Amino acid sequence: MTDGELIDTATALVGDFETSRDCSAGAVAAALETASGNVYTGICVDTQCGIGFCAEHSAVAEMLKAREWKIRTIVAITKEGIIPPCGRCREMLWQISEGNCETRVIVAAGKVMTLAELLPAPRWRE
C-alpha cells in the first residue's frame, strides 16, 4: 500500500460525532499497515472524564486482535490534515514491539519519520 492510499484510508474515517453529551468520537482517524501488509484502522474516543483514547490506540487494538504487532507505516488524520502521534501513542507503539522503532510515521504531507526519530530517548538507545 502506498502512503497516499494509507492516508486516504484514514481520511475516509474522519468525522466527529457525538454519542452522548459526554462523549464524541471520530475527530481523529488512524490507519496502519503491518509488516505483513495488512491494514488496520481506528478512530479516537473523547470523553468528558478524560478516559477516552487516541485513534492510533484503536487501530493498534484491531491489529493485536489479529495477533500482529510489527507496524510498517502509520498515519493519523484530522479534518485539517495529517498530525503526528502524541507522546503517549509514540511510547505505546514502541512498547508493543521494540522492532517498531523503524516504523514509518507519516507526520505531514510528503514527510515521513521513523518512530525512533520521534522518541526523545527510548531505552533501546541506552
PDB file of N, CA and C in Angstrom:
ATOM      1  N   MET A   1       0.852  -1.177   0.000  1.00  0.00           N
ATOM      2  CA  MET A   1       0.000   0.000   0.000  1.00  0.00           C
ATOM      3  C   MET A   1       0.895   1.237   0.000  1.00  0.00           C
ATOM      4  N   THR A   2       0.536   2.212  -0.803  1.00  0.00           N
ATOM      5  CA  THR A   2       1.309   3.447  -0.840  1.00  0.00           C
ATOM      6  C   THR A   2       0.936   4.339   0.341  1.00  0.00           C
ATOM      7  N   ASP A   3       1.789   5.323   0.615  1.00  0.00           N
ATOM      8  CA  ASP A   3       1.468   6.280   1.674  1.00  0.00           C
ATOM      9  C   ASP A   3       0.160   6.994   1.357  1.00  0.00           C
ATOM     10  N   GLY A   4      -0.042   7.356   0.107  1.00  0.00           N
ATOM     11  CA  GLY A   4      -1.268   8.043  -0.293  1.00  0.00           C
ATOM     12  C   GLY A   4      -2.512   7.200  -0.043  1.00  0.00           C
ATOM     13  N   GLU A   5      -2.427   5.916  -0.321  1.00  0.00           N
ATOM     14  CA  GLU A   5      -3.563   5.029  -0.072  1.00  0.00           C
ATOM     15  C   GLU A   5      -3.844   4.892   1.420  1.00  0.00           C
ATOM     16  N   LEU A   6      -2.778   4.838   2.234  1.00  0.00           N
ATOM     17  CA  LEU A   6      -2.962   4.751   3.678  1.00  0.00           C
ATOM     18  C   LEU A   6      -3.595   6.036   4.212  1.00  0.00           C
ATOM     19  N   ILE A   7      -3.147   7.163   3.695  1.00  0.00           N
ATOM     20  CA  ILE A   7      -3.734   8.458   4.075  1.00  0.00           C
ATOM     21  C   ILE A   7      -5.210   8.498   3.680  1.00  0.00           C
ATOM     22  N   ASP A   8      -5.529   8.050   2.478  1.00  0.00           N
ATOM     23  CA  ASP A   8      -6.922   8.031   2.025  1.00  0.00           C
ATOM     24  C   ASP A   8      -7.785   7.129   2.904  1.00  0.00           C
ATOM     25  N   THR A   9      -7.233   5.998   3.329  1.00  0.00           N
ATOM     26  CA  THR A   9      -7.963   5.065   4.181  1.00  0.00           C
ATOM     27  C   THR A   9      -8.341   5.736   5.499  1.00  0.00           C
ATOM     28  N   ALA A  10      -7.384   6.439   6.108  1.00  0.00           N
ATOM     29  CA  ALA A  10      -7.667   7.136   7.367  1.00  0.00           C
ATOM     30  C   ALA A  10      -8.618   8.310   7.144  1.00  0.00           C
ATOM     31  N   THR A  11      -8.399   9.056   6.080  1.00  0.00           N
ATOM     32  CA  THR A  11      -9.227  10.232   5.796  1.00  0.00           C
ATOM     33  C   THR A  11     -10.697   9.856   5.663  1.00  0.00           C
ATOM     34  N   ALA A  12     -10.972   8.707   5.091  1.00  0.00           N
ATOM     35  CA  ALA A  12     -12.356   8.263   4.890  1.00  0.00           C
ATOM     36  C   ALA A  12     -13.096   8.047   6.211  1.00  0.00           C
ATOM     37  N   LEU A  13     -12.361   7.881   7.311  1.00  0.00           N
ATOM     38  CA  LEU A  13     -12.977   7.615   8.613  1.00  0.00           C
ATOM     39  C   LEU A  13     -13.165   8.866   9.469  1.00  0.00           C
ATOM     40  N   VAL A  14     -12.536   9.977   9.095  1.00  0.00           N
ATOM     41  CA  VAL A  14     -12.615  11.199   9.895  1.00  0.00           C
ATOM     42  C   VAL A  14     -14.028  11.776   9.826  1.00  0.00           C
ATOM     43  N   GLY A  15     -14.545  12.137  10.962  1.00  0.00           N
ATOM     44  CA  GLY A  15     -15.858  12.760  11.030  1.00  0.00           C
ATOM     45  C   GLY A  15     -16.337  12.728  12.462  1.00  0.00           C
ATOM     46  N   ASP A  16     -16.210  13.842  13.133  1.00  0.00           N
ATOM     47  CA  ASP A  16     -16.563  13.943  14.547  1.00  0.00           C
ATOM     48  C   ASP A  16     -18.065  13.779  14.733  1.00  0.00           C
ATOM     49  N   PHE A  17     -18.451  12.937  15.689  1.00  0.00           N
ATOM     50  CA  PHE A  17     -19.864  12.763  16.014  1.00  0.00           C
ATOM     51  C   PHE A  17     -20.001  12.557  17.515  1.00  0.00           C
ATOM     52  N   GLU A  18     -21.165  12.919  18.047  1.00  0.00           N
ATOM     53  CA  GLU A  18     -21.429  12.777  19.479  1.00  0.00           C
ATOM     54  C   GLU A  18     -22.281  11.547  19.730  1.00  0.00           C
ATOM     55  N   THR A  19     -21.868  10.776  20.729  1.00  0.00           N
ATOM     56  CA  THR A  19     -22.669   9.620  21.130  1.00  0.00           C
ATOM     57  C   THR A  19     -23.525   9.945  22.349  1.00  0.00           C
ATOM     58  N   SER A  20     -23.113  10.969  23.087  1.00  0.00           N
ATOM     59  CA  SER A  20     -23.854  11.465  24.242  1.00  0.00           C
ATOM     60  C   SER A  20     -23.329  12.859  24.542  1.00  0.00           C
ATOM     61  N   ARG A  21     -23.888  13.504  25.531  1.00  0.00           N
ATOM     62  CA  ARG A  21     -23.377  14.839  25.877  1.00  0.00           C
ATOM     63  C   ARG A  21     -21.982  14.757  26.473  1.00  0.00           C
ATOM     64  N   ASP A  22     -21.561  13.564  26.861  1.00  0.00           N
ATOM     65  CA  ASP A  22     -20.252  13.371  27.478  1.00  0.00           C
ATOM     66  C   ASP A  22     -19.235  12.677  26.588  1.00  0.00           C
ATOM     67  N   CYS A  23     -19.600  12.353  25.353  1.00  0.00           N
ATOM     68  CA  CYS A  23     -18.681  11.585  24.512  1.00  0.00           C
ATOM     69  C   CYS A  23     -18.813  11.965  23.043  1.00  0.00           C
ATOM     70  N   SER A  24     -17.669  12.163  22.422  1.00  0.00           N
ATOM     71  CA  SER A  24     -17.632  12.327  20.971  1.00  0.00           C
ATOM     72  C   SER A  24     -16.549  11.400  20.425  1.00  0.00           C
ATOM     73  N   ALA A  25     -16.609  11.141  19.148  1.00  0.00           N
ATOM     74  CA  ALA A  25     -15.650  10.230  18.525  1.00  0.00           C
ATOM     75  C   ALA A  25     -15.427  10.654  17.083  1.00  0.00           C
ATOM     76  N   GLY A  26     -14.323  10.176  16.514  1.00  0.00           N
ATOM     77  CA  GLY A  26     -14.073  10.354  15.097  1.00  0.00           C
ATOM     78  C   GLY A  26     -13.368  11.609  14.656  1.00  0.00           C
ATOM     79  N   ALA A  27     -12.994  12.491  15.580  1.00  0.00           N
ATOM     80  CA  ALA A  27     -12.291  13.710  15.177  1.00  0.00           C
ATOM     81  C   ALA A  27     -10.910  13.391  14.608  1.00  0.00           C
ATOM     82  N   VAL A  28     -10.348  12.279  15.051  1.00  0.00           N
ATOM     83  CA  VAL A  28      -9.068  11.794  14.525  1.00  0.00           C
ATOM     84  C   VAL A  28      -9.263  10.345  14.096  1.00  0.00           C
ATOM     85  N   ALA A  29      -8.718  10.010  12.942  1.00  0.00           N
ATOM     86  CA  ALA A  29      -8.730   8.636  12.451  1.00  0.00           C
ATOM     87  C   ALA A  29      -7.287   8.228  12.163  1.00  0.00           C
ATOM     88  N   ALA A  30      -7.017   6.947  12.304  1.00  0.00           N
ATOM     89  CA  ALA A  30      -5.673   6.437  12.034  1.00  0.00           C
ATOM     90  C   ALA A  30      -5.768   5.198  11.163  1.00  0.00           C
ATOM     91  N   ALA A  31      -4.720   4.988  10.385  1.00  0.00           N
ATOM     92  CA  ALA A  31      -4.586   3.758   9.604  1.00  0.00           C
ATOM     93  C   ALA A  31      -3.137   3.318   9.717  1.00  0.00           C
ATOM     94  N   LEU A  32      -2.949   2.016   9.851  1.00  0.00           N
ATOM     95  CA  LEU A  32      -1.593   1.480   9.901  1.00  0.00           C
ATOM     96  C   LEU A  32      -1.498   0.264   9.003  1.00  0.00           C
ATOM     97  N   GLU A  33      -0.312   0.051   8.477  1.00  0.00           N
ATOM     98  CA  GLU A  33      -0.023  -1.139   7.691  1.00  0.00           C
ATOM     99  C   GLU A  33       1.018  -1.948   8.436  1.00  0.00           C
ATOM    100  N   THR A  34       0.766  -3.232   8.576  1.00  0.00           N
ATOM    101  CA  THR A  34       1.703  -4.100   9.281  1.00  0.00           C
ATOM    102  C   THR A  34       2.796  -4.584   8.334  1.00  0.00           C
ATOM    103  N   ALA A  35       3.803  -5.205   8.922  1.00  0.00           N
ATOM    104  CA  ALA A  35       4.904  -5.757   8.134  1.00  0.00           C
ATOM    105  C   ALA A  35       4.405  -6.795   7.141  1.00  0.00           C
ATOM    106  N   SER A  36       3.302  -7.467   7.462  1.00  0.00           N
ATOM    107  CA  SER A  36       2.757  -8.480   6.558  1.00  0.00           C
ATOM    108  C   SER A  36       1.813  -7.887   5.511  1.00  0.00           C
ATOM    109  N   GLY A  37       1.596  -6.567   5.560  1.00  0.00           N
ATOM    110  CA  GLY A  37       0.791  -5.900   4.546  1.00  0.00           C
ATOM    111  C   GLY A  37      -0.675  -5.720   4.876  1.00  0.00           C
ATOM    112  N   ASN A  38      -1.100  -6.119   6.069  1.00  0.00           N
ATOM    113  CA  ASN A  38      -2.487  -5.910   6.478  1.00  0.00           C
ATOM    114  C   ASN A  38      -2.686  -4.479   6.970  1.00  0.00           C
ATOM    115  N   VAL A  39      -3.888  -3.958   6.768  1.00  0.00           N
ATOM    116  CA  VAL A  39      -4.203  -2.592   7.169  1.00  0.00           C
ATOM    117  C   VAL A  39      -5.270  -2.628   8.257  1.00  0.00           C
ATOM    118  N   TYR A  40      -5.047  -1.838   9.312  1.00  0.00           N
ATOM    119  CA  TYR A  40      -5.989  -1.719  10.424  1.00  0.00           C
ATOM    120  C   TYR A  40      -6.263  -0.239  10.650  1.00  0.00           C
ATOM    121  N   THR A  41      -7.478   0.064  11.078  1.00  0.00           N
ATOM    122  CA  THR A  41      -7.882   1.454  11.259  1.00  0.00           C
ATOM    123  C   THR A  41      -8.498   1.664  12.634  1.00  0.00           C
ATOM    124  N   GLY A  42      -8.612   2.921  13.004  1.00  0.00           N
ATOM    125  CA  GLY A  42      -9.249   3.258  14.268  1.00  0.00           C
ATOM    126  C   GLY A  42      -9.639   4.718  14.297  1.00  0.00           C
ATOM    127  N   ILE A  43     -10.499   5.065  15.245  1.00  0.00           N
ATOM    128  CA  ILE A  43     -10.887   6.456  15.477  1.00  0.00           C
ATOM    129  C   ILE A  43     -10.712   6.760  16.963  1.00  0.00           C
ATOM    130  N   CYS A  44     -10.579   8.030  17.268  1.00  0.00           N
ATOM    131  CA  CYS A  44     -10.435   8.443  18.664  1.00  0.00           C
ATOM    132  C   CYS A  44     -11.792   8.447  19.355  1.00  0.00           C
ATOM    133  N   VAL A  45     -11.746   8.343  20.672  1.00  0.00           N
ATOM    134  CA  VAL A  45     -12.927   8.486  21.515  1.00  0.00           C
ATOM    135  C   VAL A  45     -12.572   9.511  22.584  1.00  0.00           C
ATOM    136  N   ASP A  46     -13.328  10.612  22.625  1.00  0.00           N
ATOM    137  CA  ASP A  46     -13.085  11.684  23.584  1.00  0.00           C
ATOM    138  C   ASP A  46     -14.238  11.753  24.574  1.00  0.00           C
ATOM    139  N   THR A  47     -13.922  11.620  25.867  1.00  0.00           N
ATOM    140  CA  THR A  47     -14.949  11.665  26.906  1.00  0.00           C
ATOM    141  C   THR A  47     -14.685  12.815  27.863  1.00  0.00           C
ATOM    142  N   GLN A  48     -15.748  13.300  28.498  1.00  0.00           N
ATOM    143  CA  GLN A  48     -15.628  14.407  29.445  1.00  0.00           C
ATOM    144  C   GLN A  48     -14.720  14.056  30.627  1.00  0.00           C
ATOM    145  N   CYS A  49     -14.719  12.795  31.032  1.00  0.00           N
ATOM    146  CA  CYS A  49     -13.923  12.410  32.203  1.00  0.00           C
ATOM    147  C   CYS A  49     -12.463  12.123  31.847  1.00  0.00           C
ATOM    148  N   GLY A  50     -12.116  12.152  30.561  1.00  0.00           N
ATOM    149  CA  GLY A  50     -10.721  12.009  30.165  1.00  0.00           C
ATOM    150  C   GLY A  50     -10.230  10.588  29.987  1.00  0.00           C
ATOM    151  N   ILE A  51     -11.116   9.597  29.977  1.00  0.00           N
ATOM    152  CA  ILE A  51     -10.630   8.221  29.810  1.00  0.00           C
ATOM    153  C   ILE A  51     -10.843   7.702  28.391  1.00  0.00           C
ATOM    154  N   GLY A  52     -10.913   8.598  27.434  1.00  0.00           N
ATOM    155  CA  GLY A  52     -11.017   8.199  26.044  1.00  0.00           C
ATOM    156  C   GLY A  52      -9.668   7.686  25.549  1.00  0.00           C
ATOM    157  N   PHE A  53      -9.564   7.537  24.240  1.00  0.00           N
ATOM    158  CA  PHE A  53      -8.298   7.063  23.681  1.00  0.00           C
ATOM    159  C   PHE A  53      -8.106   7.600  22.270  1.00  0.00           C
ATOM    160  N   CYS A  54      -6.851   7.555  21.840  1.00  0.00           N
ATOM    161  CA  CYS A  54      -6.462   8.074  20.536  1.00  0.00           C
ATOM    162  C   CYS A  54      -6.814   7.099  19.418  1.00  0.00           C
ATOM    163  N   ALA A  55      -6.886   7.614  18.208  1.00  0.00           N
ATOM    164  CA  ALA A  55      -7.176   6.785  17.038  1.00  0.00           C
ATOM    165  C   ALA A  55      -6.105   5.722  16.836  1.00  0.00           C
ATOM    166  N   GLU A  56      -4.856   6.068  17.134  1.00  0.00           N
ATOM    167  CA  GLU A  56      -3.773   5.094  16.992  1.00  0.00           C
ATOM    168  C   GLU A  56      -3.984   3.906  17.927  1.00  0.00           C
ATOM    169  N   HIS A  57      -4.463   4.168  19.148  1.00  0.00           N
ATOM    170  CA  HIS A  57      -4.745   3.081  20.093  1.00  0.00           C
ATOM    171  C   HIS A  57      -5.806   2.142  19.523  1.00  0.00           C
ATOM    172  N   SER A  58      -6.832   2.722  18.935  1.00  0.00           N
ATOM    173  CA  SER A  58      -7.912   1.938  18.356  1.00  0.00           C
ATOM    174  C   SER A  58      -7.405   1.057  17.211  1.00  0.00           C
ATOM    175  N   ALA A  59      -6.571   1.621  16.340  1.00  0.00           N
ATOM    176  CA  ALA A  59      -6.008   0.850  15.219  1.00  0.00           C
ATOM    177  C   ALA A  59      -5.089  -0.254  15.729  1.00  0.00           C
ATOM    178  N   VAL A  60      -4.286   0.046  16.742  1.00  0.00           N
ATOM    179  CA  VAL A  60      -3.384  -0.966  17.313  1.00  0.00           C
ATOM    180  C   VAL A  60      -4.187  -2.098  17.945  1.00  0.00           C
ATOM    181  N   ALA A  61      -5.277  -1.784  18.613  1.00  0.00           N
ATOM    182  CA  ALA A  61      -6.107  -2.829  19.210  1.00  0.00           C
ATOM    183  C   ALA A  61      -6.638  -3.772  18.127  1.00  0.00           C
ATOM    184  N   GLU A  62      -7.067  -3.218  17.005  1.00  0.00           N
ATOM    185  CA  GLU A  62      -7.527  -4.059  15.890  1.00  0.00           C
ATOM    186  C   GLU A  62      -6.396  -4.950  15.392  1.00  0.00           C
ATOM    187  N   MET A  63      -5.202  -4.396  15.283  1.00  0.00           N
ATOM    188  CA  MET A  63      -4.040  -5.152  14.825  1.00  0.00           C
ATOM    189  C   MET A  63      -3.723  -6.291  15.797  1.00  0.00           C
ATOM    190  N   LEU A  64      -3.744  -5.989  17.083  1.00  0.00           N
ATOM    191  CA  LEU A  64      -3.408  -7.005  18.082  1.00  0.00           C
ATOM    192  C   LEU A  64      -4.444  -8.124  18.116  1.00  0.00           C
ATOM    193  N   LYS A  65      -5.701  -7.810  17.837  1.00  0.00           N
ATOM    194  CA  LYS A  65      -6.725  -8.858  17.764  1.00  0.00           C
ATOM    195  C   LYS A  65      -6.364  -9.897  16.704  1.00  0.00           C
ATOM    196  N   ALA A  66      -5.661  -9.453  15.657  1.00  0.00           N
ATOM    197  CA  ALA A  66      -5.241 -10.357  14.583  1.00  0.00           C
ATOM    198  C   ALA A  66      -3.873 -10.976  14.877  1.00  0.00           C
ATOM    199  N   ARG A  67      -3.371 -10.755  16.094  1.00  0.00           N
ATOM    200  CA  ARG A  67      -2.077 -11.314  16.529  1.00  0.00           C
ATOM    201  C   ARG A  67      -0.904 -10.803  15.698  1.00  0.00           C
ATOM    202  N   GLU A  68      -0.991  -9.529  15.319  1.00  0.00           N
ATOM    203  CA  GLU A  68       0.118  -8.857  14.654  1.00  0.00           C
ATOM    204  C   GLU A  68       0.596  -7.735  15.554  1.00  0.00           C
ATOM    205  N   TRP A  69       1.875  -7.359  15.428  1.00  0.00           N
ATOM    206  CA  TRP A  69       2.400  -6.274  16.267  1.00  0.00           C
ATOM    207  C   TRP A  69       3.501  -5.471  15.604  1.00  0.00           C
ATOM    208  N   LYS A  70       3.990  -5.887  14.468  1.00  0.00           N
ATOM    209  CA  LYS A  70       5.052  -5.146  13.761  1.00  0.00           C
ATOM    210  C   LYS A  70       4.404  -4.209  12.750  1.00  0.00           C
ATOM    211  N   ILE A  71       4.613  -2.902  12.936  1.00  0.00           N
ATOM    212  CA  ILE A  71       3.977  -1.877  12.108  1.00  0.00           C
ATOM    213  C   ILE A  71       4.982  -1.341  11.094  1.00  0.00           C
ATOM    214  N   ARG A  72       4.589  -1.369   9.827  1.00  0.00           N
ATOM    215  CA  ARG A  72       5.434  -0.811   8.763  1.00  0.00           C
ATOM    216  C   ARG A  72       5.244   0.706   8.681  1.00  0.00           C
ATOM    217  N   THR A  73       3.974   1.152   8.602  1.00  0.00           N
ATOM    218  CA  THR A  73       3.671   2.574   8.420  1.00  0.00           C
ATOM    219  C   THR A  73       2.390   2.906   9.169  1.00  0.00           C
ATOM    220  N   ILE A  74       2.328   4.128   9.720  1.00  0.00           N
ATOM    221  CA  ILE A  74       1.125   4.588  10.412  1.00  0.00           C
ATOM    222  C   ILE A  74       0.894   6.063  10.102  1.00  0.00           C
ATOM    223  N   VAL A  75      -0.392   6.445  10.098  1.00  0.00           N
ATOM    224  CA  VAL A  75      -0.761   7.840   9.888  1.00  0.00           C
ATOM    225  C   VAL A  75      -2.005   8.153  10.705  1.00  0.00           C
ATOM    226  N   ALA A  76      -2.094   9.397  11.178  1.00  0.00           N
ATOM    227  CA  ALA A  76      -3.288   9.901  11.867  1.00  0.00           C
ATOM    228  C   ALA A  76      -3.737  11.168  11.145  1.00  0.00           C
ATOM    229  N   ILE A  77      -5.060  11.322  11.043  1.00  0.00           N
ATOM    230  CA  ILE A  77      -5.644  12.400  10.250  1.00  0.00           C
ATOM    231  C   ILE A  77      -6.755  13.089  11.032  1.00  0.00           C
ATOM    232  N   THR A  78      -6.835  14.411  10.898  1.00  0.00           N
ATOM    233  CA  THR A  78      -7.989  15.184  11.356  1.00  0.00           C
ATOM    234  C   THR A  78      -8.616  15.825  10.117  1.00  0.00           C
ATOM    235  N   LYS A  79      -9.710  16.557  10.288  1.00  0.00           N
ATOM    236  CA  LYS A  79     -10.297  17.222   9.128  1.00  0.00           C
ATOM    237  C   LYS A  79      -9.359  18.294   8.570  1.00  0.00           C
ATOM    238  N   GLU A  80      -8.395  18.738   9.389  1.00  0.00           N
ATOM    239  CA  GLU A  80      -7.413  19.716   8.919  1.00  0.00           C
ATOM    240  C   GLU A  80      -6.221  19.069   8.216  1.00  0.00           C
ATOM    241  N   GLY A  81      -6.049  17.767   8.390  1.00  0.00           N
ATOM    242  CA  GLY A  81      -4.929  17.091   7.727  1.00  0.00           C
ATOM    243  C   GLY A  81      -4.187  16.140   8.648  1.00  0.00           C
ATOM    244  N   ILE A  82      -2.989  15.776   8.236  1.00  0.00           N
ATOM    245  CA  ILE A  82      -2.161  14.804   8.948  1.00  0.00           C
ATOM    246  C   ILE A  82      -1.612  15.413  10.233  1.00  0.00           C
ATOM    247  N   ILE A  83      -1.605  14.596  11.295  1.00  0.00           N
ATOM    248  CA  ILE A  83      -0.990  15.023  12.552  1.00  0.00           C
ATOM    249  C   ILE A  83      -0.032  13.924  13.029  1.00  0.00           C
ATOM    250  N   PRO A  84       1.084  14.303  13.655  1.00  0.00           N
ATOM    251  CA  PRO A  84       1.969  13.278  14.217  1.00  0.00           C
ATOM    252  C   PRO A  84       1.358  12.687  15.486  1.00  0.00           C
ATOM    253  N   PRO A  85       1.758  11.483  15.846  1.00  0.00           N
ATOM    254  CA  PRO A  85       1.211  10.876  17.064  1.00  0.00           C
ATOM    255  C   PRO A  85       1.661  11.629  18.316  1.00  0.00           C
ATOM    256  N   CYS A  86       0.799  11.653  19.314  1.00  0.00           N
ATOM    257  CA  CYS A  86       1.154  12.281  20.587  1.00  0.00           C
ATOM    258  C   CYS A  86       2.216  11.427  21.288  1.00  0.00           C
ATOM    259  N   GLY A  87       2.774  11.931  22.348  1.00  0.00           N
ATOM    260  CA  GLY A  87       3.810  11.208  23.095  1.00  0.00           C
ATOM    261  C   GLY A  87       3.330   9.875  23.640  1.00  0.00           C
ATOM    262  N   ARG A  88       2.103   9.843  24.118  1.00  0.00           N
ATOM    263  CA  ARG A  88       1.538   8.596  24.649  1.00  0.00           C
ATOM    264  C   ARG A  88       1.469   7.536  23.551  1.00  0.00           C
ATOM    265  N   CYS A  89       1.035   7.931  22.360  1.00  0.00           N
ATOM    266  CA  CYS A  89       0.950   6.992  21.237  1.00  0.00           C
ATOM    267  C   CYS A  89       2.336   6.528  20.791  1.00  0.00           C
ATOM    268  N   ARG A  90       3.283   7.445  20.753  1.00  0.00           N
ATOM    269  CA  ARG A  90       4.645   7.074  20.356  1.00  0.00           C
ATOM    270  C   ARG A  90       5.203   6.008  21.290  1.00  0.00           C
ATOM    271  N   GLU A  91       5.027   6.222  22.573  1.00  0.00           N
ATOM    272  CA  GLU A  91       5.530   5.256  23.557  1.00  0.00           C
ATOM    273  C   GLU A  91       4.803   3.916  23.432  1.00  0.00           C
ATOM    274  N   MET A  92       3.493   3.958  23.227  1.00  0.00           N
ATOM    275  CA  MET A  92       2.733   2.722  23.070  1.00  0.00           C
ATOM    276  C   MET A  92       3.205   1.943  21.854  1.00  0.00           C
ATOM    277  N   LEU A  93       3.398   2.608  20.732  1.00  0.00           N
ATOM    278  CA  LEU A  93       3.848   1.925  19.516  1.00  0.00           C
ATOM    279  C   LEU A  93       5.175   1.215  19.747  1.00  0.00           C
ATOM    280  N   TRP A  94       6.078   1.864  20.460  1.00  0.00           N
ATOM    281  CA  TRP A  94       7.374   1.256  20.746  1.00  0.00           C
ATOM    282  C   TRP A  94       7.229   0.094  21.724  1.00  0.00           C
ATOM    283  N   GLN A  95       6.387   0.252  22.741  1.00  0.00           N
ATOM    284  CA  GLN A  95       6.245  -0.823  23.728  1.00  0.00           C
ATOM    285  C   GLN A  95       5.535  -2.046  23.157  1.00  0.00           C
ATOM    286  N   ILE A  96       4.696  -1.871  22.151  1.00  0.00           N
ATOM    287  CA  ILE A  96       4.059  -3.022  21.501  1.00  0.00           C
ATOM    288  C   ILE A  96       5.132  -3.947  20.945  1.00  0.00           C
ATOM    289  N   SER A  97       6.160  -3.371  20.330  1.00  0.00           N
ATOM    290  CA  SER A  97       7.289  -4.132  19.804  1.00  0.00           C
ATOM    291  C   SER A  97       8.467  -3.183  19.630  1.00  0.00           C
ATOM    292  N   GLU A  98       9.595  -3.520  20.227  1.00  0.00           N
ATOM    293  CA  GLU A  98      10.777  -2.671  20.066  1.00  0.00           C
ATOM    294  C   GLU A  98      11.182  -2.575  18.604  1.00  0.00           C
ATOM    295  N   GLY A  99      10.796  -3.579  17.792  1.00  0.00           N
ATOM    296  CA  GLY A  99      11.057  -3.518  16.356  1.00  0.00           C
ATOM    297  C   GLY A  99      10.331  -2.375  15.676  1.00  0.00           C
ATOM    298  N   ASN A 100       9.318  -1.838  16.341  1.00  0.00           N
ATOM    299  CA  ASN A 100       8.579  -0.725  15.761  1.00  0.00           C
ATOM    300  C   ASN A 100       9.375   0.581  15.786  1.00  0.00           C
ATOM    301  N   CYS A 101      10.570   0.574  16.331  1.00  0.00           N
ATOM    302  CA  CYS A 101      11.392   1.789  16.283  1.00  0.00           C
ATOM    303  C   CYS A 101      11.658   2.186  14.825  1.00  0.00           C
ATOM    304  N   GLU A 102      11.545   1.229  13.906  1.00  0.00           N
ATOM    305  CA  GLU A 102      11.744   1.515  12.478  1.00  0.00           C
ATOM    306  C   GLU A 102      10.430   1.797  11.746  1.00  0.00           C
ATOM    307  N   THR A 103       9.315   1.839  12.465  1.00  0.00           N
ATOM    308  CA  THR A 103       8.031   2.154  11.853  1.00  0.00           C
ATOM    309  C   THR A 103       8.104   3.499  11.149  1.00  0.00           C
ATOM    310  N   ARG A 104       7.588   3.543   9.946  1.00  0.00           N
ATOM    311  CA  ARG A 104       7.489   4.786   9.193  1.00  0.00           C
ATOM    312  C   ARG A 104       6.249   5.529   9.696  1.00  0.00           C
ATOM    313  N   VAL A 105       6.435   6.750  10.175  1.00  0.00           N
ATOM    314  CA  VAL A 105       5.333   7.561  10.680  1.00  0.00           C
ATOM    315  C   VAL A 105       5.157   8.741   9.729  1.00  0.00           C
ATOM    316  N   ILE A 106       3.998   8.796   9.099  1.00  0.00           N
ATOM    317  CA  ILE A 106       3.699   9.925   8.225  1.00  0.00           C
ATOM    318  C   ILE A 106       3.309  11.086   9.128  1.00  0.00           C
ATOM    319  N   VAL A 107       4.124  12.142   9.141  1.00  0.00           N
ATOM    320  CA  VAL A 107       3.907  13.253  10.072  1.00  0.00           C
ATOM    321  C   VAL A 107       3.340  14.498   9.394  1.00  0.00           C
ATOM    322  N   ALA A 108       3.396  14.546   8.076  1.00  0.00           N
ATOM    323  CA  ALA A 108       2.852  15.663   7.302  1.00  0.00           C
ATOM    324  C   ALA A 108       2.809  15.217   5.846  1.00  0.00           C
ATOM    325  N   ALA A 109       2.128  15.962   5.038  1.00  0.00           N
ATOM    326  CA  ALA A 109       2.072  15.619   3.615  1.00  0.00           C
ATOM    327  C   ALA A 109       3.485  15.583   3.050  1.00  0.00           C
ATOM    328  N   GLY A 110       3.886  14.439   2.524  1.00  0.00           N
ATOM    329  CA  GLY A 110       5.210  14.294   1.935  1.00  0.00           C
ATOM    330  C   GLY A 110       6.350  14.163   2.928  1.00  0.00           C
ATOM    331  N   LYS A 111       6.053  14.025   4.230  1.00  0.00           N
ATOM    332  CA  LYS A 111       7.117  13.923   5.235  1.00  0.00           C
ATOM    333  C   LYS A 111       6.906  12.681   6.098  1.00  0.00           C
ATOM    334  N   VAL A 112       7.927  11.828   6.124  1.00  0.00           N
ATOM    335  CA  VAL A 112       7.901  10.589   6.900  1.00  0.00           C
ATOM    336  C   VAL A 112       9.118  10.568   7.817  1.00  0.00           C
ATOM    337  N   MET A 113       8.899  10.136   9.059  1.00  0.00           N
ATOM    338  CA  MET A 113       9.992   9.956  10.015  1.00  0.00           C
ATOM    339  C   MET A 113       9.851   8.563  10.611  1.00  0.00           C
ATOM    340  N   THR A 114      10.930   8.038  11.154  1.00  0.00           N
ATOM    341  CA  THR A 114      10.807   6.775  11.868  1.00  0.00           C
ATOM    342  C   THR A 114      10.338   7.062  13.289  1.00  0.00           C
ATOM    343  N   LEU A 115       9.758   6.052  13.904  1.00  0.00           N
ATOM    344  CA  LEU A 115       9.345   6.206  15.298  1.00  0.00           C
ATOM    345  C   LEU A 115      10.555   6.545  16.158  1.00  0.00           C
ATOM    346  N   ALA A 116      11.693   5.939  15.883  1.00  0.00           N
ATOM    347  CA  ALA A 116      12.911   6.231  16.647  1.00  0.00           C
ATOM    348  C   ALA A 116      13.257   7.721  16.603  1.00  0.00           C
ATOM    349  N   GLU A 117      13.044   8.357  15.460  1.00  0.00           N
ATOM    350  CA  GLU A 117      13.328   9.787  15.340  1.00  0.00           C
ATOM    351  C   GLU A 117      12.353  10.628  16.161  1.00  0.00           C
ATOM    352  N   LEU A 118      11.166  10.103  16.421  1.00  0.00           N
ATOM    353  CA  LEU A 118      10.155  10.853  17.171  1.00  0.00           C
ATOM    354  C   LEU A 118      10.237  10.651  18.679  1.00  0.00           C
ATOM    355  N   LEU A 119      10.923   9.600  19.107  1.00  0.00           N
ATOM    356  CA  LEU A 119      11.052   9.329  20.537  1.00  0.00           C
ATOM    357  C   LEU A 119      12.241  10.109  21.104  1.00  0.00           C
ATOM    358  N   PRO A 120      12.068  10.770  22.260  1.00  0.00           N
ATOM    359  CA  PRO A 120      13.145  11.605  22.799  1.00  0.00           C
ATOM    360  C   PRO A 120      14.369  10.820  23.242  1.00  0.00           C
ATOM    361  N   ALA A 121      14.194   9.751  23.971  1.00  0.00           N
ATOM    362  CA  ALA A 121      15.341   8.972  24.468  1.00  0.00           C
ATOM    363  C   ALA A 121      14.867   7.574  24.844  1.00  0.00           C
ATOM    364  N   PRO A 122      14.481   6.791  23.864  1.00  0.00           N
ATOM    365  CA  PRO A 122      13.981   5.452  24.199  1.00  0.00           C
ATOM    366  C   PRO A 122      15.053   4.576  24.841  1.00  0.00           C
ATOM    367  N   ARG A 123      14.597   3.647  25.655  1.00  0.00           N
ATOM    368  CA  ARG A 123      15.527   2.772  26.387  1.00  0.00           C
ATOM    369  C   ARG A 123      16.436   1.989  25.459  1.00  0.00           C
ATOM    370  N   TRP A 124      15.964   1.645  24.264  1.00  0.00           N
ATOM    371  CA  TRP A 124      16.775   0.813  23.382  1.00  0.00           C
ATOM    372  C   TRP A 124      18.030   1.528  22.918  1.00  0.00           C
ATOM    373  N   ARG A 125      18.096   2.837  23.102  1.00  0.00           N
ATOM    374  CA  ARG A 125      19.322   3.582  22.701  1.00  0.00           C
ATOM    375  C   ARG A 125      20.396   3.509  23.796  1.00  0.00           C
ATOM    376  N   GLU A 126      20.037   3.050  24.964  1.00  0.00           N
ATOM    377  CA  GLU A 126      20.997   3.015  26.091  1.00  0.00           C
ATOM    378  C   GLU A 126      22.019   1.924  25.916  1.00  0.00           C
TER     379      GLU A 126
END
